[in-house]
C-alpha atoms as a PDB file:
ATOM      1  CA  MET A   1      82.775 105.000 117.134  1.00  0.00           C
ATOM      2  CA  ASP A   2      84.832 102.893 114.771  1.00  0.00           C
ATOM      3  CA  THR A   3      87.893 104.165 112.943  1.00  0.00           C
ATOM      4  CA  LYS A   4      86.307 103.907 109.492  1.00  0.00           C
ATOM      5  CA  LYS A   5      83.397 106.116 110.546  1.00  0.00           C
ATOM      6  CA  ILE A   6      85.720 108.658 112.190  1.00  0.00           C
ATOM      7  CA  VAL A   7      87.833 108.913 109.033  1.00  0.00           C
ATOM      8  CA  GLU A   8      84.790 109.149 106.750  1.00  0.00           C
ATOM      9  CA  GLU A   9      83.317 111.963 108.848  1.00  0.00           C
ATOM     10  CA  LEU A  10      86.641 113.824 108.874  1.00  0.00           C
ATOM     11  CA  LEU A  11      86.875 113.515 105.087  1.00  0.00           C
ATOM     12  CA  ALA A  12      83.297 114.798 104.827  1.00  0.00           C
ATOM     13  CA  THR A  13      84.489 118.073 106.393  1.00  0.00           C
ATOM     14  CA  GLY A  14      86.396 118.766 103.183  1.00  0.00           C
ATOM     15  CA  LEU A  15      89.781 117.292 104.029  1.00  0.00           C
ATOM     16  CA  THR A  16      91.513 115.135 101.455  1.00  0.00           C
ATOM     17  CA  GLN A  17      93.075 111.845 102.495  1.00  0.00           C
ATOM     18  CA  ALA A  18      96.520 113.431 102.094  1.00  0.00           C
ATOM     19  CA  GLN A  19      95.586 116.420 104.275  1.00  0.00           C
ATOM     20  CA  LEU A  20      94.150 114.165 106.967  1.00  0.00           C
ATOM     21  CA  ALA A  21      97.260 111.984 106.869  1.00  0.00           C
ATOM     22  CA  GLU A  22      99.424 115.063 107.345  1.00  0.00           C
ATOM     23  CA  LEU A  23      97.372 116.191 110.349  1.00  0.00           C
ATOM     24  CA  VAL A  24      97.477 112.818 112.117  1.00  0.00           C
ATOM     25  CA  PRO A  25     100.436 112.254 111.020  1.00  0.00           C
ATOM     26  CA  CYS A  26     100.398 108.955 109.166  1.00  0.00           C
ATOM     27  CA  SER A  27     100.539 107.786 105.566  1.00  0.00           C
ATOM     28  CA  GLN A  28      97.799 108.532 103.057  1.00  0.00           C
ATOM     29  CA  SER A  29      97.664 104.808 102.321  1.00  0.00           C
ATOM     30  CA  LEU A  30      96.704 104.154 105.968  1.00  0.00           C
ATOM     31  CA  ILE A  31      93.825 106.650 105.645  1.00  0.00           C
ATOM     32  CA  ALA A  32      92.742 104.892 102.430  1.00  0.00           C
ATOM     33  CA  ALA A  33      92.878 101.548 104.263  1.00  0.00           C
ATOM     34  CA  PHE A  34      90.596 102.908 106.993  1.00  0.00           C
ATOM     35  CA  VAL A  35      88.112 104.115 104.370  1.00  0.00           C
ATOM     36  CA  GLY A  36      88.242 100.743 102.639  1.00  0.00           C
ATOM     37  CA  GLY A  37      87.694  98.947 105.917  1.00  0.00           C
ATOM     38  CA  SER A  38      90.880  96.913 105.668  1.00  0.00           C
ATOM     39  CA  ARG A  39      92.426  98.526 108.771  1.00  0.00           C
ATOM     40  CA  GLY A  40      91.074  99.565 112.119  1.00  0.00           C
ATOM     41  CA  LYS A  41      90.780  96.558 114.378  1.00  0.00           C
ATOM     42  CA  GLN A  42      94.401  96.585 115.567  1.00  0.00           C
ATOM     43  CA  THR A  43      95.447 100.125 114.822  1.00  0.00           C
ATOM     44  CA  SER A  44      98.020 101.978 116.870  1.00  0.00           C
ATOM     45  CA  PHE A  45      96.485 103.624 119.919  1.00  0.00           C
ATOM     46  CA  VAL A  46      98.360 106.826 119.074  1.00  0.00           C
ATOM     47  CA  ILE A  47      96.843 107.030 115.564  1.00  0.00           C
ATOM     48  CA  VAL A  48      93.314 106.308 116.825  1.00  0.00           C
ATOM     49  CA  ASP A  49      93.708 108.846 119.622  1.00  0.00           C
ATOM     50  CA  ARG A  50      94.799 111.546 117.162  1.00  0.00           C
ATOM     51  CA  LEU A  51      91.930 110.713 114.803  1.00  0.00           C
ATOM     52  CA  GLN A  52      89.446 110.938 117.694  1.00  0.00           C
ATOM     53  CA  LYS A  53      90.830 114.316 118.784  1.00  0.00           C
ATOM     54  CA  LEU A  54      90.660 115.680 115.225  1.00  0.00           C
ATOM     55  CA  HIS A  55      87.118 114.340 114.942  1.00  0.00           C
ATOM     56  CA  ALA A  56      86.128 116.062 118.172  1.00  0.00           C
ATOM     57  CA  MET A  57      87.596 119.358 116.962  1.00  0.00           C
ATOM     58  CA  ARG A  58      86.305 119.325 113.375  1.00  0.00           C
ATOM     59  CA  CYS A  59      83.103 117.289 113.418  1.00  0.00           C
ATOM     60  CA  ASP A  60      81.692 118.196 116.822  1.00  0.00           C
ATOM     61  CA  GLU A  61      82.122 121.905 116.059  1.00  0.00           C
ATOM     62  CA  GLN A  62      80.112 121.534 112.864  1.00  0.00           C
ATOM     63  CA  SER A  63      77.316 119.667 114.600  1.00  0.00           C
ATOM     64  CA  GLN A  64      76.987 122.485 117.149  1.00  0.00           C
ATOM     65  CA  GLU A  65      76.370 125.228 114.568  1.00  0.00           C
ATOM     66  CA  PRO A  66      72.949 126.853 114.860  1.00  0.00           C
ATOM     67  CA  GLU A  67      70.418 125.540 112.343  1.00  0.00           C
ATOM     68  CA  ALA A  68      70.258 128.878 110.502  1.00  0.00           C
ATOM     69  CA  GLU A  69      74.005 128.766 109.847  1.00  0.00           C
ATOM     70  CA  LYS A  70      73.875 125.152 108.638  1.00  0.00           C
ATOM     71  CA  GLU A  71      71.299 126.037 106.002  1.00  0.00           C
ATOM     72  CA  THR A  72      73.430 128.803 104.501  1.00  0.00           C
ATOM     73  CA  VAL A  73      76.620 126.739 104.307  1.00  0.00           C
END
């Protein structure tokens, strides 16, 4: 999965760019660059690894919710 998609899906969980940047940690402008598609091809392995781990924790958990719970959210 590419970095832009990972960041977009993390932001879709309700995080702001600033909150995501704090969790990674990195700058909010780097998160904005990922969203804009101007960064991602040669990004630090450490940043990408942290984004992937956050994605696994936040996005994979949401996709595993039972259908009945998804409808009420």
